[in-house]
């Protein structure tokens, strides 16, 4: 047997108040400050990354000119997979060879910060740090 209890309209109203959007981090307000801080942070990160120059050096992971040697496991693994697509050895060789090549490329990257004026650097860092500060302030309980 199902018993229906009468619903109090005041209780329903209180439940709807609980569902109301309270802002970033569950705090009251601060959405505008959070969005402005996010925009500052994104602008700062963009400007900083725009000043970074990435170049590649010679492949000298296990000695000079060893890139061709790092291709061997990948090529053997791919050949093995063409012979038997379910072969665990083929997947390990192909996957391991791909990882070795990817890591080798990352290891040989050279990253430089391009020359800029002190004024531009200060603007970039203020946007970056100020944006982080405003976002953290918007998330703080008032």
C-alpha atoms as a PDB file:
ATOM      1  CA  UNK A   1       0.000   0.000   0.000  1.00  0.00           C
ATOM      2  CA  UNK A   2       1.365   3.426  -1.018  1.00  0.00           C
ATOM      3  CA  UNK A   3       0.747   6.396   1.246  1.00  0.00           C
ATOM      4  CA  UNK A   4       0.968   9.876  -0.232  1.00  0.00           C
ATOM      5  CA  UNK A   5       2.025  12.648   2.105  1.00  0.00           C
ATOM      6  CA  UNK A   6       0.983  16.220   1.438  1.00  0.00           C
ATOM      7  CA  UNK A   7       3.745  18.473   0.120  1.00  0.00           C
ATOM      8  CA  UNK A   8       4.411  21.730   1.905  1.00  0.00           C
ATOM      9  CA  UNK A   9       4.982  24.513  -0.698  1.00  0.00           C
ATOM     10  CA  UNK A  10       7.417  26.292   1.670  1.00  0.00           C
ATOM     11  CA  UNK A  11       9.696  23.233   1.741  1.00  0.00           C
ATOM     12  CA  UNK A  12       9.716  23.075  -2.058  1.00  0.00           C
ATOM     13  CA  UNK A  13      10.712  26.753  -2.151  1.00  0.00           C
ATOM     14  CA  UNK A  14      13.622  26.109   0.250  1.00  0.00           C
ATOM     15  CA  UNK A  15      14.883  23.250  -1.941  1.00  0.00           C
ATOM     16  CA  UNK A  16      14.943  25.520  -4.996  1.00  0.00           C
ATOM     17  CA  UNK A  17      17.104  28.009  -3.078  1.00  0.00           C
ATOM     18  CA  UNK A  18      19.698  25.286  -2.482  1.00  0.00           C
ATOM     19  CA  UNK A  19      20.041  24.669  -6.208  1.00  0.00           C
ATOM     20  CA  UNK A  20      20.808  28.324  -6.980  1.00  0.00           C
ATOM     21  CA  UNK A  21      24.159  29.011  -8.671  1.00  0.00           C
ATOM     22  CA  UNK A  22      26.523  30.452  -6.097  1.00  0.00           C
ATOM     23  CA  UNK A  23      29.463  31.409  -8.320  1.00  0.00           C
ATOM     24  CA  UNK A  24      32.947  30.009  -8.804  1.00  0.00           C
ATOM     25  CA  UNK A  25      34.029  27.567  -6.153  1.00  0.00           C
ATOM     26  CA  UNK A  26      30.569  27.630  -4.563  1.00  0.00           C
ATOM     27  CA  UNK A  27      31.166  31.142  -3.207  1.00  0.00           C
ATOM     28  CA  UNK A  28      28.767  34.052  -3.452  1.00  0.00           C
ATOM     29  CA  UNK A  29      29.577  36.306  -6.403  1.00  0.00           C
ATOM     30  CA  UNK A  30      32.973  36.734  -7.966  1.00  0.00           C
ATOM     31  CA  UNK A  31      32.065  35.387 -11.402  1.00  0.00           C
ATOM     32  CA  UNK A  32      33.037  38.615 -13.161  1.00  0.00           C
ATOM     33  CA  UNK A  33      36.321  38.792 -11.251  1.00  0.00           C
ATOM     34  CA  UNK A  34      37.058  35.156 -12.097  1.00  0.00           C
ATOM     35  CA  UNK A  35      36.393  35.675 -15.823  1.00  0.00           C
ATOM     36  CA  UNK A  36      38.497  38.868 -15.887  1.00  0.00           C
ATOM     37  CA  UNK A  37      41.324  37.048 -14.066  1.00  0.00           C
ATOM     38  CA  UNK A  38      41.062  34.138 -16.497  1.00  0.00           C
ATOM     39  CA  UNK A  39      41.306  36.544 -19.446  1.00  0.00           C
ATOM     40  CA  UNK A  40      44.380  38.213 -17.896  1.00  0.00           C
ATOM     41  CA  UNK A  41      45.972  34.825 -17.217  1.00  0.00           C
ATOM     42  CA  UNK A  42      45.352  33.604 -20.775  1.00  0.00           C
ATOM     43  CA  UNK A  43      46.770  36.848 -22.218  1.00  0.00           C
ATOM     44  CA  UNK A  44      49.863  36.566 -20.012  1.00  0.00           C
ATOM     45  CA  UNK A  45      50.453  32.917 -20.927  1.00  0.00           C
ATOM     46  CA  UNK A  46      50.005  33.733 -24.622  1.00  0.00           C
ATOM     47  CA  UNK A  47      52.504  36.607 -24.502  1.00  0.00           C
ATOM     48  CA  UNK A  48      55.063  34.574 -22.549  1.00  0.00           C
ATOM     49  CA  UNK A  49      54.761  31.584 -24.884  1.00  0.00           C
ATOM     50  CA  UNK A  50      54.994  33.913 -27.877  1.00  0.00           C
ATOM     51  CA  UNK A  51      58.454  34.965 -26.665  1.00  0.00           C
ATOM     52  CA  UNK A  52      59.710  31.385 -26.387  1.00  0.00           C
ATOM     53  CA  UNK A  53      61.647  30.013 -29.338  1.00  0.00           C
ATOM     54  CA  UNK A  54      61.956  26.254 -29.753  1.00  0.00           C
ATOM     55  CA  UNK A  55      64.621  24.732 -31.981  1.00  0.00           C
ATOM     56  CA  UNK A  56      65.917  21.248 -32.487  1.00  0.00           C
ATOM     57  CA  UNK A  57      69.466  20.085 -32.069  1.00  0.00           C
ATOM     58  CA  UNK A  58      71.283  17.113 -33.529  1.00  0.00           C
ATOM     59  CA  UNK A  59      70.085  13.659 -32.538  1.00  0.00           C
ATOM     60  CA  UNK A  60      72.788  12.760 -30.014  1.00  0.00           C
ATOM     61  CA  UNK A  61      70.899  10.520 -27.657  1.00  0.00           C
ATOM     62  CA  UNK A  62      73.212   7.474 -27.736  1.00  0.00           C
ATOM     63  CA  UNK A  63      76.015   9.095 -29.708  1.00  0.00           C
ATOM     64  CA  UNK A  64      76.127  11.070 -32.938  1.00  0.00           C
ATOM     65  CA  UNK A  65      73.759  10.236 -35.794  1.00  0.00           C
ATOM     66  CA  UNK A  66      71.849   7.455 -34.039  1.00  0.00           C
ATOM     67  CA  UNK A  67      68.348   8.342 -35.232  1.00  0.00           C
ATOM     68  CA  UNK A  68      68.355   5.539 -37.808  1.00  0.00           C
ATOM     69  CA  UNK A  69      69.180   3.002 -35.106  1.00  0.00           C
ATOM     70  CA  UNK A  70      66.148   4.110 -33.090  1.00  0.00           C
ATOM     71  CA  UNK A  71      63.914   3.292 -36.090  1.00  0.00           C
ATOM     72  CA  UNK A  72      64.816  -0.413 -36.023  1.00  0.00           C
ATOM     73  CA  UNK A  73      62.402  -1.527 -33.256  1.00  0.00           C
ATOM     74  CA  UNK A  74      59.557   0.432 -34.874  1.00  0.00           C
ATOM     75  CA  UNK A  75      60.185  -1.042 -38.332  1.00  0.00           C
ATOM     76  CA  UNK A  76      60.590  -4.596 -37.026  1.00  0.00           C
ATOM     77  CA  UNK A  77      57.449  -4.220 -34.887  1.00  0.00           C
ATOM     78  CA  UNK A  78      55.405  -2.903 -37.816  1.00  0.00           C
ATOM     79  CA  UNK A  79      56.615  -5.764 -40.010  1.00  0.00           C
ATOM     80  CA  UNK A  80      55.757  -8.271 -37.311  1.00  0.00           C
ATOM     81  CA  UNK A  81      52.267  -6.764 -36.963  1.00  0.00           C
ATOM     82  CA  UNK A  82      51.685  -7.064 -40.711  1.00  0.00           C
ATOM     83  CA  UNK A  83      52.603 -10.747 -40.401  1.00  0.00           C
ATOM     84  CA  UNK A  84      50.453 -11.316 -37.276  1.00  0.00           C
ATOM     85  CA  UNK A  85      48.273  -8.455 -36.043  1.00  0.00           C
ATOM     86  CA  UNK A  86      47.606 -10.134 -32.685  1.00  0.00           C
ATOM     87  CA  UNK A  87      51.288 -10.578 -31.815  1.00  0.00           C
ATOM     88  CA  UNK A  88      52.195  -9.093 -28.434  1.00  0.00           C
ATOM     89  CA  UNK A  89      55.876  -8.924 -29.430  1.00  0.00           C
ATOM     90  CA  UNK A  90      54.969  -6.885 -32.524  1.00  0.00           C
ATOM     91  CA  UNK A  91      52.884  -4.437 -30.488  1.00  0.00           C
ATOM     92  CA  UNK A  92      55.630  -4.066 -27.861  1.00  0.00           C
ATOM     93  CA  UNK A  93      58.308  -3.446 -30.513  1.00  0.00           C
ATOM     94  CA  UNK A  94      56.167  -0.977 -32.483  1.00  0.00           C
ATOM     95  CA  UNK A  95      54.951   0.850 -29.375  1.00  0.00           C
ATOM     96  CA  UNK A  96      58.400   0.897 -27.796  1.00  0.00           C
ATOM     97  CA  UNK A  97      59.967   2.175 -31.014  1.00  0.00           C
ATOM     98  CA  UNK A  98      57.390   4.969 -31.262  1.00  0.00           C
ATOM     99  CA  UNK A  99      58.044   5.938 -27.635  1.00  0.00           C
ATOM    100  CA  UNK A 100      61.820   5.962 -28.199  1.00  0.00           C
ATOM    101  CA  UNK A 101      61.426   8.261 -31.223  1.00  0.00           C
ATOM    102  CA  UNK A 102      59.016  10.602 -29.387  1.00  0.00           C
ATOM    103  CA  UNK A 103      61.254  10.816 -26.318  1.00  0.00           C
ATOM    104  CA  UNK A 104      64.300  11.332 -28.541  1.00  0.00           C
ATOM    105  CA  UNK A 105      62.648  14.289 -30.251  1.00  0.00           C
ATOM    106  CA  UNK A 106      61.713  15.821 -26.894  1.00  0.00           C
ATOM    107  CA  UNK A 107      65.196  15.290 -25.473  1.00  0.00           C
ATOM    108  CA  UNK A 108      66.805  17.101 -28.407  1.00  0.00           C
ATOM    109  CA  UNK A 109      64.630  20.238 -28.209  1.00  0.00           C
ATOM    110  CA  UNK A 110      66.336  23.479 -27.278  1.00  0.00           C
ATOM    111  CA  UNK A 111      64.121  26.154 -25.729  1.00  0.00           C
ATOM    112  CA  UNK A 112      65.129  29.836 -25.569  1.00  0.00           C
ATOM    113  CA  UNK A 113      63.409  32.972 -24.329  1.00  0.00           C
ATOM    114  CA  UNK A 114      63.727  35.573 -27.096  1.00  0.00           C
ATOM    115  CA  UNK A 115      65.110  39.000 -26.337  1.00  0.00           C
ATOM    116  CA  UNK A 116      62.478  41.470 -25.161  1.00  0.00           C
ATOM    117  CA  UNK A 117      62.360  44.754 -23.289  1.00  0.00           C
ATOM    118  CA  UNK A 118      62.018  44.864 -19.521  1.00  0.00           C
ATOM    119  CA  UNK A 119      58.709  46.726 -19.936  1.00  0.00           C
ATOM    120  CA  UNK A 120      57.251  43.921 -22.060  1.00  0.00           C
ATOM    121  CA  UNK A 121      58.470  41.280 -19.602  1.00  0.00           C
ATOM    122  CA  UNK A 122      56.853  43.129 -16.679  1.00  0.00           C
ATOM    123  CA  UNK A 123      53.551  43.407 -18.596  1.00  0.00           C
ATOM    124  CA  UNK A 124      53.623  39.662 -19.342  1.00  0.00           C
ATOM    125  CA  UNK A 125      54.366  38.697 -15.751  1.00  0.00           C
ATOM    126  CA  UNK A 126      51.776  41.127 -14.294  1.00  0.00           C
ATOM    127  CA  UNK A 127      49.091  39.693 -16.595  1.00  0.00           C
ATOM    128  CA  UNK A 128      50.101  36.138 -15.668  1.00  0.00           C
ATOM    129  CA  UNK A 129      50.405  36.607 -11.887  1.00  0.00           C
ATOM    130  CA  UNK A 130      47.567  39.149 -11.625  1.00  0.00           C
ATOM    131  CA  UNK A 131      45.196  36.826 -13.478  1.00  0.00           C
ATOM    132  CA  UNK A 132      46.073  33.952 -11.150  1.00  0.00           C
ATOM    133  CA  UNK A 133      45.549  36.238  -8.139  1.00  0.00           C
ATOM    134  CA  UNK A 134      42.132  37.434  -9.324  1.00  0.00           C
ATOM    135  CA  UNK A 135      40.984  33.888 -10.035  1.00  0.00           C
ATOM    136  CA  UNK A 136      42.123  32.750  -6.573  1.00  0.00           C
ATOM    137  CA  UNK A 137      40.406  35.790  -4.995  1.00  0.00           C
ATOM    138  CA  UNK A 138      37.139  34.961  -6.770  1.00  0.00           C
ATOM    139  CA  UNK A 139      37.269  31.391  -5.416  1.00  0.00           C
ATOM    140  CA  UNK A 140      37.982  32.520  -1.842  1.00  0.00           C
ATOM    141  CA  UNK A 141      35.130  32.452   0.666  1.00  0.00           C
ATOM    142  CA  UNK A 142      34.064  36.013   1.570  1.00  0.00           C
END
